[in-house]
Amino acid sequence: MVLENILLSLASVHWTDAGIVLLLFILFLLISDQLRNRKPRNYPPGPTPLPCVGNVFNLDAKQPHIHLTKLSDHYGNIFSLRLGSLNTVVVNSYNMVKTALVDQADIFTGRPTNDVLKKIIKCQGVTFNNGYSWKQQRRFTLSTLKFFGVGKRSLEFIIMEEYKFLHKTIMDTNGLPFDPHYFINNAVSNIICSMVFGRRFEYTDQRFLNLLSLMSKALKLQTSVWIQLYSVFPCVMDLLPGPHKDLFSCFHQVCAFIREEVDKHYADWDPSSPRDFIDCYLTEIQKRKDDLEAGFHEEGLQYAVLDLFVAGTETTSTTLLWAFVYMMKYPEIQEKVQAEIDKVVGQSRRPNIDDRHNMPYTDAVIHEVQRMSNVVPLSVPRMTNEDTILGGYFIPKGTQIIPNLTSVLFEQTKWKTPHSFDPQNFLNTQGEFEKPEAFIPFSVGKRSCPGESLARMELFLFFTSLLQSFTLSPPEGTQTSLDFKFGMTLSPKPFRISFTPR
């Protein structure tokens, strides 16, 4: 009995010691977190962050773009958050976004980095690269894409050739309802694939369809709370199962596909006769082998291709899916578009890019789809390259910046009817097409989307060709929903649609 009491006393002492150590450790973490994240004077206001995890759990994970826009009503057009380990400033309204990304373009060209990005893309390529390497990679990418037709009429032929395959595939549905996601994803992706890989992929190619599925899944996972937690506790999260592991697996498989394509190019590569982007990049590796900082090497090629593949597929195909949703939702607008197509183009030929100038209503509808669908609602985050003042607030070097494009595309003072689908937002009183300054779905400044001209051509040619050939309608007895899924892109929830030949 005495021994038992002694053991209990010892257990009590050890537990007390352990408790004290644990308490001191927690206090140390809290104090160090507070010191590390002290706000400088005149820093933008914002909701109080929790220790270590910041404001991750303060946001509405299903619609953070809407939540952040509402927060601006309370804190103003510039406010602060801490997302994971990154001090973040959210910039709202067209004037503030323009002031940051255009008027102070050199200061706001950085990209933030965290343990997630380091793990999946190692901050190479174009999108998440920085400094000298980013400038060299972007310059090479733009010039190479131009060489293969971006911004030129020659690309129109490639798009319309792809439309023939898409048209046949849709005709094979016999007007019955189907999910259009992968048909459209595949068709749009084949345009960038023709320039990057030198070939297109059949809509029945299961290996390629799996790749598109992995990419869509990864973009949805990238904004989850699990990924935010990984950026705060990478060592701990590496030991735990969860969606973060799925994200890494998706990117690993996509990169494996790209490596296979690169290996095939190496087998019959002729530097004197480049067939596509990969061939040109292989040549650039040889030319720039002494310029290590530029980042032209095999790993850099892999991530450059990944950037083009993701950017050239997801945003444009998602916008087209939204276009289908809005045409089903507003059949009277669809009829007006078809009437203009019939008047300007007729049925004896396919639309071409020159027709756009004679089709103001159709052009307005396409732009209104882009505005309302808000496919990249929070843009791609930026980072300040030096200390600066924005809107009267001090923003230190290394701060993550979120340009809230949602606040711009729905800004009350910039649009006639900001919260309704209305082509009149892009038409003047004479019925002529007119683009307001706040239309910036591709962002602005030195980090604006390099594929804007390609996307605009694809949207016009695919949209007009489809509505020339088909009438779009929901399955009988169903209602068209405008519900969305939030990720790196804002996409419509899965839906079915009937394409009835006209």
Protein backbone atom coordinates (compact mmCIF):
# COMPACT_ATOMS: atom_id res chain seq x y z
CA MET A 1 0.00 0.00 0.00
CA VAL A 2 2.86 2.36 0.86
CA LEU A 3 4.62 1.50 -2.43
CA GLU A 4 1.42 2.15 -4.31
CA ASN A 5 1.10 5.59 -2.70
CA ILE A 6 4.71 6.40 -3.55
CA LEU A 7 4.19 5.41 -7.21
CA LEU A 8 1.05 7.49 -7.38
CA SER A 9 2.91 10.45 -5.93
CA LEU A 10 5.75 10.03 -8.42
CA ALA A 11 3.26 9.75 -11.30
CA SER A 12 1.62 12.92 -10.07
CA VAL A 13 4.96 14.76 -9.94
CA HIS A 14 5.98 13.60 -13.40
CA TRP A 15 2.58 14.60 -14.81
CA THR A 16 2.88 18.03 -13.22
CA ASP A 17 6.36 18.49 -14.68
CA ALA A 18 5.16 17.40 -18.10
CA GLY A 19 2.21 19.76 -17.81
CA ILE A 20 4.51 22.65 -16.94
CA VAL A 21 6.79 21.86 -19.86
CA LEU A 22 3.81 21.61 -22.21
CA LEU A 23 2.40 24.89 -20.91
CA LEU A 24 5.75 26.65 -21.32
CA PHE A 25 6.07 25.26 -24.85
CA ILE A 26 2.60 26.53 -25.78
CA LEU A 27 3.40 29.94 -24.30
CA PHE A 28 6.66 30.00 -26.27
CA LEU A 29 4.79 29.24 -29.49
CA LEU A 30 2.20 31.92 -28.80
CA ILE A 31 4.80 34.56 -27.93
CA SER A 32 7.04 33.73 -30.91
CA ASP A 33 4.02 33.74 -33.23
CA GLN A 34 2.99 37.14 -31.86
CA LEU A 35 6.51 38.56 -32.27
CA ARG A 36 6.94 37.10 -35.75
CA ASN A 37 3.64 38.50 -36.95
CA ARG A 38 3.60 41.90 -35.27
CA LYS A 39 1.87 44.41 -37.50
CA PRO A 40 3.94 47.47 -38.44
CA ARG A 41 2.55 50.93 -37.90
CA ASN A 42 -0.17 51.99 -40.34
CA TYR A 43 -0.68 48.42 -41.56
CA PRO A 44 -4.12 47.74 -43.08
CA PRO A 45 -6.81 46.74 -40.55
CA GLY A 46 -8.44 43.32 -40.55
CA PRO A 47 -9.97 40.55 -38.45
CA THR A 48 -7.83 39.27 -35.57
CA PRO A 49 -5.89 36.14 -36.58
CA LEU A 50 -5.62 33.04 -34.41
CA PRO A 51 -2.14 32.00 -33.23
CA CYS A 52 -0.20 29.95 -35.80
CA VAL A 53 -3.10 29.29 -38.22
CA GLY A 54 -4.08 32.94 -38.74
CA ASN A 55 -7.46 33.62 -40.35
CA VAL A 56 -7.78 30.28 -42.14
CA PHE A 57 -10.89 29.32 -40.17
CA ASN A 58 -12.43 32.81 -40.36
CA LEU A 59 -13.22 32.51 -44.06
CA ASP A 60 -16.16 30.82 -45.74
CA ALA A 61 -14.33 27.96 -47.49
CA LYS A 62 -17.15 27.43 -50.01
CA GLN A 63 -17.24 31.04 -51.23
CA PRO A 64 -14.23 32.97 -49.88
CA HIS A 65 -14.35 35.46 -52.77
CA ILE A 66 -17.81 36.60 -51.64
CA HIS A 67 -16.78 36.64 -47.99
CA LEU A 68 -13.69 38.75 -48.73
CA THR A 69 -15.79 41.20 -50.75
CA LYS A 70 -18.20 41.57 -47.81
CA LEU A 71 -15.28 42.12 -45.41
CA SER A 72 -14.34 45.20 -47.45
CA ASP A 73 -17.66 46.75 -46.40
CA HIS A 74 -16.40 46.66 -42.82
CA TYR A 75 -12.63 47.18 -43.17
CA GLY A 76 -12.40 49.18 -46.41
CA ASN A 77 -10.93 48.45 -49.83
CA ILE A 78 -7.58 47.43 -48.35
CA PHE A 79 -7.52 45.07 -45.39
CA SER A 80 -5.23 42.44 -43.92
CA LEU A 81 -5.44 38.74 -43.07
CA ARG A 82 -2.99 36.04 -42.15
CA LEU A 83 -3.49 32.98 -44.31
CA GLY A 84 -1.41 30.13 -42.99
CA SER A 85 2.08 31.51 -42.54
CA LEU A 86 1.64 34.42 -44.96
CA ASN A 87 0.75 37.97 -43.99
CA THR A 88 -1.80 38.91 -46.62
CA VAL A 89 -3.38 42.12 -47.86
CA VAL A 90 -6.62 41.93 -49.86
CA VAL A 91 -7.08 44.72 -52.43
CA ASN A 92 -10.64 45.56 -53.50
CA SER A 93 -12.19 47.88 -56.13
CA TYR A 94 -10.97 48.70 -59.62
CA ASN A 95 -9.15 51.87 -58.61
CA MET A 96 -7.17 50.18 -55.83
CA VAL A 97 -6.35 47.09 -57.93
CA LYS A 98 -5.18 49.29 -60.80
CA THR A 99 -3.12 51.47 -58.45
CA ALA A 100 -1.33 48.38 -57.17
CA LEU A 101 -0.92 46.25 -60.31
CA VAL A 102 -0.46 48.97 -62.93
CA ASP A 103 0.70 52.17 -61.24
CA GLN A 104 3.09 50.25 -58.95
CA ALA A 105 3.63 47.34 -61.33
CA ASP A 106 7.29 46.69 -60.48
CA ILE A 107 6.55 46.49 -56.75
CA PHE A 108 3.62 44.08 -57.12
CA THR A 109 5.12 41.57 -59.60
CA GLY A 110 6.35 39.09 -57.02
CA ARG A 111 4.76 35.72 -56.35
CA PRO A 112 4.46 34.44 -52.78
CA THR A 113 5.91 31.07 -51.99
CA ASN A 114 5.10 28.47 -49.35
CA ASP A 115 5.87 24.84 -48.62
CA VAL A 116 3.01 23.64 -50.86
CA LEU A 117 4.30 25.47 -53.93
CA LYS A 118 7.87 24.43 -53.20
CA LYS A 119 6.75 20.82 -53.10
CA ILE A 120 4.61 20.72 -56.25
CA ILE A 121 6.31 23.13 -58.68
CA LYS A 122 9.48 24.27 -56.88
CA CYS A 123 8.62 27.86 -57.90
CA GLN A 124 9.85 27.33 -61.44
CA GLY A 125 8.18 27.85 -64.83
CA VAL A 126 6.34 31.13 -65.32
CA THR A 127 3.31 31.44 -63.04
CA PHE A 128 5.00 31.09 -59.64
CA ASN A 129 8.53 32.05 -60.61
CA ASN A 130 10.22 35.28 -59.50
CA GLY A 131 13.00 37.69 -60.37
CA TYR A 132 15.42 37.20 -63.24
CA SER A 133 14.30 33.63 -63.96
CA TRP A 134 10.64 34.69 -64.24
CA LYS A 135 11.50 37.49 -66.69
CA GLN A 136 13.54 35.15 -68.89
CA GLN A 137 10.96 32.35 -68.80
CA ARG A 138 8.05 34.70 -69.53
CA ARG A 139 9.88 36.42 -72.40
CA PHE A 140 10.78 33.07 -73.96
CA THR A 141 7.24 31.70 -73.49
CA LEU A 142 5.54 34.73 -75.06
CA SER A 143 7.86 34.80 -78.07
CA THR A 144 7.55 31.03 -78.62
CA LEU A 145 3.75 31.05 -78.40
CA LYS A 146 3.71 33.93 -80.88
CA PHE A 147 5.96 31.90 -83.19
CA PHE A 148 3.38 29.10 -83.12
CA GLY A 149 0.44 31.37 -83.86
CA VAL A 150 -0.82 33.05 -80.68
CA GLY A 151 -2.07 36.49 -81.65
CA LYS A 152 -2.07 35.57 -85.35
CA ARG A 153 -4.74 34.51 -87.82
CA SER A 154 -2.96 31.19 -88.39
CA LEU A 155 -4.22 29.99 -85.01
CA GLU A 156 -7.81 30.38 -86.20
CA PHE A 157 -7.31 27.42 -88.53
CA ILE A 158 -6.17 25.19 -85.64
CA ILE A 159 -9.18 26.18 -83.52
CA MET A 160 -11.67 25.56 -86.31
CA GLU A 161 -10.08 22.23 -87.17
CA GLU A 162 -10.58 21.21 -83.54
CA TYR A 163 -14.18 22.43 -83.73
CA LYS A 164 -14.84 19.84 -86.44
CA PHE A 165 -13.95 17.06 -83.98
CA LEU A 166 -16.03 18.66 -81.25
CA HIS A 167 -19.01 19.11 -83.59
CA LYS A 168 -18.92 15.46 -84.63
CA THR A 169 -18.67 14.27 -81.02
CA ILE A 170 -21.68 16.39 -80.01
CA MET A 171 -23.67 15.21 -83.04
CA ASP A 172 -23.07 11.63 -81.86
CA THR A 173 -25.09 12.41 -78.71
CA ASN A 174 -28.22 12.64 -80.93
CA GLY A 175 -29.57 15.55 -78.93
CA LEU A 176 -29.72 13.53 -75.70
CA PRO A 177 -28.57 15.16 -72.43
CA PHE A 178 -24.91 14.65 -71.46
CA ASP A 179 -22.24 16.16 -69.21
CA PRO A 180 -20.18 18.44 -71.49
CA HIS A 181 -17.25 18.93 -69.11
CA TYR A 182 -14.65 16.62 -70.62
CA PHE A 183 -15.65 17.18 -74.25
CA ILE A 184 -15.08 20.91 -73.81
CA ASN A 185 -12.03 20.45 -71.61
CA ASN A 186 -10.48 18.17 -74.20
CA ALA A 187 -11.31 20.43 -77.16
CA VAL A 188 -9.87 23.55 -75.52
CA SER A 189 -6.84 21.68 -74.21
CA ASN A 190 -6.06 20.37 -77.70
CA ILE A 191 -5.36 23.93 -78.87
CA ILE A 192 -2.55 24.46 -76.37
CA CYS A 193 -1.47 20.82 -76.78
CA SER A 194 -0.97 21.39 -80.52
CA MET A 195 1.52 24.16 -79.69
CA VAL A 196 3.18 22.53 -76.67
CA PHE A 197 3.20 18.80 -77.53
CA GLY A 198 2.82 19.15 -81.29
CA ARG A 199 -0.35 17.03 -81.39
CA ARG A 200 -3.96 16.76 -80.25
CA PHE A 201 -5.57 13.99 -78.19
CA GLU A 202 -8.72 12.06 -79.07
CA TYR A 203 -11.79 12.54 -76.86
CA THR A 204 -11.73 8.80 -76.20
CA ASP A 205 -8.08 8.77 -75.05
CA GLN A 206 -8.49 7.51 -71.47
CA ARG A 207 -4.93 8.41 -70.51
CA PHE A 208 -5.50 12.02 -71.53
CA LEU A 209 -8.98 12.15 -69.98
CA ASN A 210 -7.45 10.94 -66.72
CA LEU A 211 -4.89 13.72 -66.97
CA LEU A 212 -7.63 16.35 -67.37
CA SER A 213 -9.47 14.86 -64.41
CA LEU A 214 -6.34 15.02 -62.25
CA MET A 215 -5.75 18.62 -63.21
CA SER A 216 -9.31 19.67 -62.36
CA LYS A 217 -9.11 17.85 -59.03
CA ALA A 218 -5.80 19.51 -58.15
CA LEU A 219 -7.13 23.00 -58.85
CA LYS A 220 -10.08 22.37 -56.54
CA LEU A 221 -7.87 20.98 -53.76
CA GLN A 222 -5.35 23.81 -53.95
CA THR A 223 -7.54 26.24 -52.01
CA SER A 224 -8.74 23.85 -49.29
CA VAL A 225 -8.13 24.39 -45.59
CA TRP A 226 -5.88 21.33 -45.58
CA ILE A 227 -3.49 23.04 -47.97
CA GLN A 228 -3.47 26.17 -45.81
CA LEU A 229 -2.62 24.01 -42.80
CA TYR A 230 0.16 22.30 -44.74
CA SER A 231 1.80 25.66 -45.37
CA VAL A 232 1.86 26.24 -41.56
CA PHE A 233 2.77 22.74 -40.35
CA PRO A 234 4.47 20.97 -43.31
CA CYS A 235 6.43 18.46 -41.21
CA VAL A 236 3.36 17.45 -39.21
CA MET A 237 1.04 17.34 -42.24
CA ASP A 238 3.50 15.12 -44.11
CA LEU A 239 2.78 12.48 -41.48
CA LEU A 240 -1.00 12.76 -41.77
CA PRO A 241 -3.38 11.49 -44.47
CA GLY A 242 -5.72 13.97 -46.13
CA PRO A 243 -6.53 15.96 -49.28
CA HIS A 244 -3.04 17.51 -49.29
CA LYS A 245 -1.66 14.07 -50.16
CA ASP A 246 -4.16 13.84 -53.02
CA LEU A 247 -2.98 17.22 -54.32
CA PHE A 248 0.64 16.13 -54.39
CA SER A 249 -0.32 12.85 -56.05
CA CYS A 250 -2.28 14.68 -58.78
CA PHE A 251 0.63 16.94 -59.63
CA HIS A 252 3.07 14.03 -59.53
CA GLN A 253 1.00 12.13 -62.11
CA VAL A 254 0.55 15.18 -64.36
CA CYS A 255 4.32 15.82 -64.25
CA ALA A 256 4.97 12.14 -65.09
CA PHE A 257 2.81 12.56 -68.21
CA ILE A 258 4.78 15.66 -69.22
CA ARG A 259 8.11 13.88 -68.69
CA GLU A 260 6.98 11.08 -71.00
CA GLU A 261 6.15 13.63 -73.71
CA VAL A 262 9.53 15.33 -73.26
CA ASP A 263 11.32 11.98 -73.53
CA LYS A 264 9.50 11.30 -76.82
CA HIS A 265 10.66 14.66 -78.13
CA TYR A 266 14.27 13.93 -77.20
CA ALA A 267 14.13 10.74 -79.29
CA ASP A 268 13.63 12.57 -82.61
CA TRP A 269 14.51 16.17 -81.77
CA ASP A 270 15.90 18.24 -84.65
CA PRO A 271 17.08 21.67 -83.39
CA SER A 272 16.98 23.08 -86.92
CA SER A 273 13.28 22.28 -87.33
CA PRO A 274 11.28 22.94 -84.11
CA ARG A 275 7.83 21.37 -84.13
CA ASP A 276 6.44 22.85 -80.92
CA PHE A 277 7.17 24.57 -77.59
CA ILE A 278 9.04 21.58 -76.17
CA ASP A 279 11.43 21.49 -79.12
CA CYS A 280 12.09 25.23 -78.78
CA TYR A 281 12.71 24.87 -75.05
CA LEU A 282 15.18 22.02 -75.62
CA THR A 283 17.08 24.32 -77.95
CA GLU A 284 16.97 27.09 -75.36
CA ILE A 285 18.47 24.72 -72.77
CA GLN A 286 21.47 24.27 -75.02
CA LYS A 287 21.79 28.00 -75.72
CA ARG A 288 21.44 29.06 -72.07
CA LYS A 289 23.43 26.30 -70.34
CA ASP A 290 25.89 28.86 -68.96
CA ASP A 291 23.10 31.10 -67.63
CA LEU A 292 22.03 28.95 -64.68
CA GLU A 293 19.95 31.69 -63.04
CA ALA A 294 17.61 31.81 -66.05
CA GLY A 295 16.34 28.32 -65.13
CA PHE A 296 16.43 26.71 -68.58
CA HIS A 297 16.93 23.02 -67.81
CA GLU A 298 14.87 19.82 -67.99
CA GLU A 299 13.08 20.45 -64.72
CA GLY A 300 12.36 24.04 -65.80
CA LEU A 301 10.89 22.67 -69.04
CA GLN A 302 8.59 20.35 -67.10
CA TYR A 303 7.13 23.20 -65.04
CA ALA A 304 6.91 25.60 -67.98
CA VAL A 305 4.83 23.00 -69.85
CA LEU A 306 2.71 22.43 -66.74
CA ASP A 307 1.98 26.17 -66.54
CA LEU A 308 0.90 26.32 -70.19
CA PHE A 309 -1.12 23.13 -69.99
CA VAL A 310 -3.09 24.24 -66.91
CA ALA A 311 -3.53 27.88 -67.97
CA GLY A 312 -4.38 26.97 -71.56
CA THR A 313 -7.03 24.47 -70.57
CA GLU A 314 -8.86 25.23 -67.35
CA THR A 315 -9.92 28.89 -67.53
CA THR A 316 -11.17 28.90 -71.13
CA SER A 317 -13.00 25.57 -70.89
CA THR A 318 -14.60 26.63 -67.60
CA THR A 319 -15.75 29.91 -69.18
CA LEU A 320 -17.35 27.98 -72.05
CA LEU A 321 -19.16 25.73 -69.58
CA TRP A 322 -20.51 28.85 -67.86
CA ALA A 323 -21.59 30.14 -71.29
CA PHE A 324 -23.67 26.98 -71.75
CA VAL A 325 -25.22 27.46 -68.31
CA TYR A 326 -26.18 31.07 -69.00
CA MET A 327 -27.59 30.26 -72.45
CA MET A 328 -29.79 27.58 -70.90
CA LYS A 329 -30.79 29.92 -68.09
CA TYR A 330 -31.66 32.77 -70.47
CA PRO A 331 -32.99 31.24 -73.71
CA GLU A 332 -34.17 34.66 -74.94
CA ILE A 333 -30.53 35.85 -74.94
CA GLN A 334 -29.50 32.66 -76.73
CA GLU A 335 -32.09 33.38 -79.44
CA LYS A 336 -30.76 36.92 -79.94
CA VAL A 337 -27.21 35.58 -80.32
CA GLN A 338 -28.36 33.01 -82.86
CA ALA A 339 -30.29 35.67 -84.77
CA GLU A 340 -27.14 37.81 -85.02
CA ILE A 341 -25.07 34.81 -86.12
CA ASP A 342 -27.64 33.97 -88.80
CA LYS A 343 -27.67 37.58 -90.00
CA VAL A 344 -23.89 38.10 -90.13
CA VAL A 345 -22.55 34.61 -90.85
CA GLY A 346 -25.49 32.58 -92.08
CA GLN A 347 -25.37 28.79 -92.31
CA SER A 348 -23.21 28.35 -95.39
CA ARG A 349 -19.87 28.92 -93.62
CA ARG A 350 -18.35 28.84 -90.16
CA PRO A 351 -17.74 32.06 -88.17
CA ASN A 352 -14.29 33.63 -88.35
CA ILE A 353 -12.55 36.13 -86.13
CA ASP A 354 -13.31 39.04 -88.50
CA ASP A 355 -17.02 38.52 -87.82
CA ARG A 356 -16.60 39.69 -84.25
CA HIS A 357 -16.61 43.38 -85.23
CA ASN A 358 -20.00 42.93 -86.92
CA MET A 359 -21.52 41.02 -84.00
CA PRO A 360 -21.65 43.47 -81.05
CA TYR A 361 -24.45 41.67 -79.20
CA THR A 362 -22.71 38.28 -79.37
CA ASP A 363 -19.43 39.89 -78.30
CA ALA A 364 -21.25 41.56 -75.39
CA VAL A 365 -22.75 38.22 -74.32
CA ILE A 366 -19.34 36.51 -74.32
CA HIS A 367 -17.87 39.31 -72.22
CA GLU A 368 -20.83 39.21 -69.84
CA VAL A 369 -20.28 35.46 -69.42
CA GLN A 370 -16.67 36.18 -68.49
CA ARG A 371 -17.71 38.90 -66.03
CA MET A 372 -20.49 36.95 -64.32
CA SER A 373 -18.69 33.60 -64.28
CA ASN A 374 -15.72 35.28 -62.57
CA VAL A 375 -13.57 32.23 -63.29
CA VAL A 376 -10.47 33.41 -61.37
CA PRO A 377 -12.25 35.33 -58.58
CA LEU A 378 -9.19 36.14 -56.47
CA SER A 379 -6.69 36.29 -59.34
CA VAL A 380 -3.32 34.61 -58.72
CA PRO A 381 -1.72 36.01 -55.55
CA ARG A 382 1.06 38.59 -55.84
CA MET A 383 3.82 39.58 -53.43
CA THR A 384 5.41 42.95 -52.77
CA ASN A 385 9.05 43.18 -53.85
CA GLU A 386 9.72 46.14 -51.54
CA ASP A 387 8.07 48.27 -48.87
CA THR A 388 5.33 50.48 -50.29
CA ILE A 389 2.30 52.65 -49.52
CA LEU A 390 -1.08 51.70 -51.00
CA GLY A 391 -4.25 53.64 -50.28
CA GLY A 392 -2.48 55.38 -47.41
CA TYR A 393 -1.46 52.11 -45.71
CA PHE A 394 2.06 50.75 -45.24
CA ILE A 395 2.64 47.34 -46.82
CA PRO A 396 5.99 45.68 -46.08
CA LYS A 397 8.16 43.81 -48.55
CA GLY A 398 7.22 40.13 -48.80
CA THR A 399 3.50 40.62 -48.10
CA GLN A 400 1.13 38.38 -50.05
CA ILE A 401 -1.36 40.42 -52.09
CA ILE A 402 -4.77 39.13 -53.18
CA PRO A 403 -6.26 41.29 -55.96
CA ASN A 404 -9.96 40.61 -55.39
CA LEU A 405 -11.26 40.55 -58.97
CA THR A 406 -14.73 39.72 -57.66
CA SER A 407 -14.93 43.20 -56.13
CA VAL A 408 -13.98 44.68 -59.52
CA LEU A 409 -16.20 42.64 -61.82
CA PHE A 410 -19.24 43.33 -59.61
CA GLU A 411 -18.35 46.85 -58.50
CA GLN A 412 -21.49 48.88 -58.01
CA THR A 413 -20.21 52.09 -59.64
CA LYS A 414 -18.61 50.41 -62.67
CA TRP A 415 -21.49 48.42 -64.15
CA LYS A 416 -25.03 49.24 -65.25
CA THR A 417 -26.42 46.10 -63.62
CA PRO A 418 -23.54 44.57 -61.63
CA HIS A 419 -25.39 41.59 -60.16
CA SER A 420 -27.54 40.55 -63.14
CA PHE A 421 -26.59 38.77 -66.34
CA ASP A 422 -27.09 41.62 -68.79
CA PRO A 423 -25.24 42.07 -72.13
CA GLN A 424 -26.12 45.78 -71.90
CA ASN A 425 -23.15 46.09 -69.55
CA PHE A 426 -21.04 45.95 -72.73
CA LEU A 427 -23.26 47.91 -75.14
CA ASN A 428 -23.66 51.66 -75.51
CA THR A 429 -26.91 53.44 -76.29
CA GLN A 430 -26.36 52.85 -80.03
CA GLY A 431 -26.03 49.09 -79.50
CA GLU A 432 -22.29 49.16 -80.21
CA PHE A 433 -19.86 47.02 -78.23
CA GLU A 434 -18.10 48.96 -75.49
CA LYS A 435 -15.73 47.46 -72.92
CA PRO A 436 -15.69 49.18 -69.49
CA GLU A 437 -12.29 49.74 -67.88
CA ALA A 438 -13.23 47.47 -64.96
CA PHE A 439 -13.39 44.40 -67.21
CA ILE A 440 -10.17 42.68 -66.09
CA PRO A 441 -10.87 38.92 -65.84
CA PHE A 442 -7.31 38.30 -67.13
CA SER A 443 -5.91 40.62 -64.44
CA VAL A 444 -3.70 43.61 -65.36
CA GLY A 445 -0.09 44.70 -65.14
CA LYS A 446 3.10 42.77 -65.76
CA ARG A 447 1.64 39.52 -64.42
CA SER A 448 -1.54 39.60 -66.52
CA CYS A 449 -2.45 36.37 -68.30
CA PRO A 450 -0.03 35.82 -71.23
CA GLY A 451 -2.65 33.75 -73.05
CA GLU A 452 -5.38 36.41 -73.14
CA SER A 453 -5.43 36.78 -76.93
CA LEU A 454 -5.58 32.98 -77.35
CA ALA A 455 -8.43 32.67 -74.84
CA ARG A 456 -10.44 35.47 -76.47
CA MET A 457 -10.11 33.87 -79.91
CA GLU A 458 -11.08 30.43 -78.59
CA LEU A 459 -14.10 31.77 -76.72
CA PHE A 460 -15.47 33.64 -79.73
CA LEU A 461 -14.92 30.87 -82.30
CA PHE A 462 -16.13 27.95 -80.17
CA PHE A 463 -19.12 29.85 -78.77
CA THR A 464 -20.38 31.22 -82.09
CA SER A 465 -19.76 27.97 -83.97
CA LEU A 466 -21.67 25.95 -81.38
CA LEU A 467 -24.64 28.34 -81.31
CA GLN A 468 -24.65 28.47 -85.11
CA SER A 469 -25.06 24.68 -85.16
CA PHE A 470 -27.04 23.89 -82.01
CA THR A 471 -29.69 25.12 -79.60
CA LEU A 472 -28.69 24.52 -76.00
CA SER A 473 -31.28 23.40 -73.46
CA PRO A 474 -31.45 21.67 -70.06
CA PRO A 475 -32.85 18.14 -69.75
CA GLU A 476 -36.63 18.18 -69.81
CA GLY A 477 -38.19 18.90 -66.44
CA THR A 478 -35.02 20.33 -64.86
CA GLN A 479 -34.02 23.84 -63.77
CA THR A 480 -30.66 25.37 -64.69
CA SER A 481 -28.58 26.13 -61.60
CA LEU A 482 -25.96 28.86 -61.20
CA ASP A 483 -24.35 27.06 -58.25
CA PHE A 484 -20.57 26.90 -58.33
CA LYS A 485 -17.57 25.04 -56.93
CA PHE A 486 -14.71 27.13 -55.57
CA GLY A 487 -11.08 26.28 -56.26
CA MET A 488 -8.27 28.03 -58.08
CA THR A 489 -11.05 28.51 -60.63
CA LEU A 490 -14.76 29.04 -60.06
CA SER A 491 -16.61 26.36 -62.02
CA PRO A 492 -20.27 25.46 -62.41
CA LYS A 493 -21.42 22.39 -60.53
CA PRO A 494 -21.74 19.34 -62.83
CA PHE A 495 -24.71 19.65 -65.18
CA ARG A 496 -26.27 17.95 -68.17
CA ILE A 497 -27.21 19.65 -71.40
CA SER A 498 -28.86 18.85 -74.74
CA PHE A 499 -27.37 20.14 -78.01
CA THR A 500 -30.21 20.09 -80.53
CA PRO A 501 -29.10 20.59 -84.17
CA ARG A 502 -30.63 23.70 -85.70
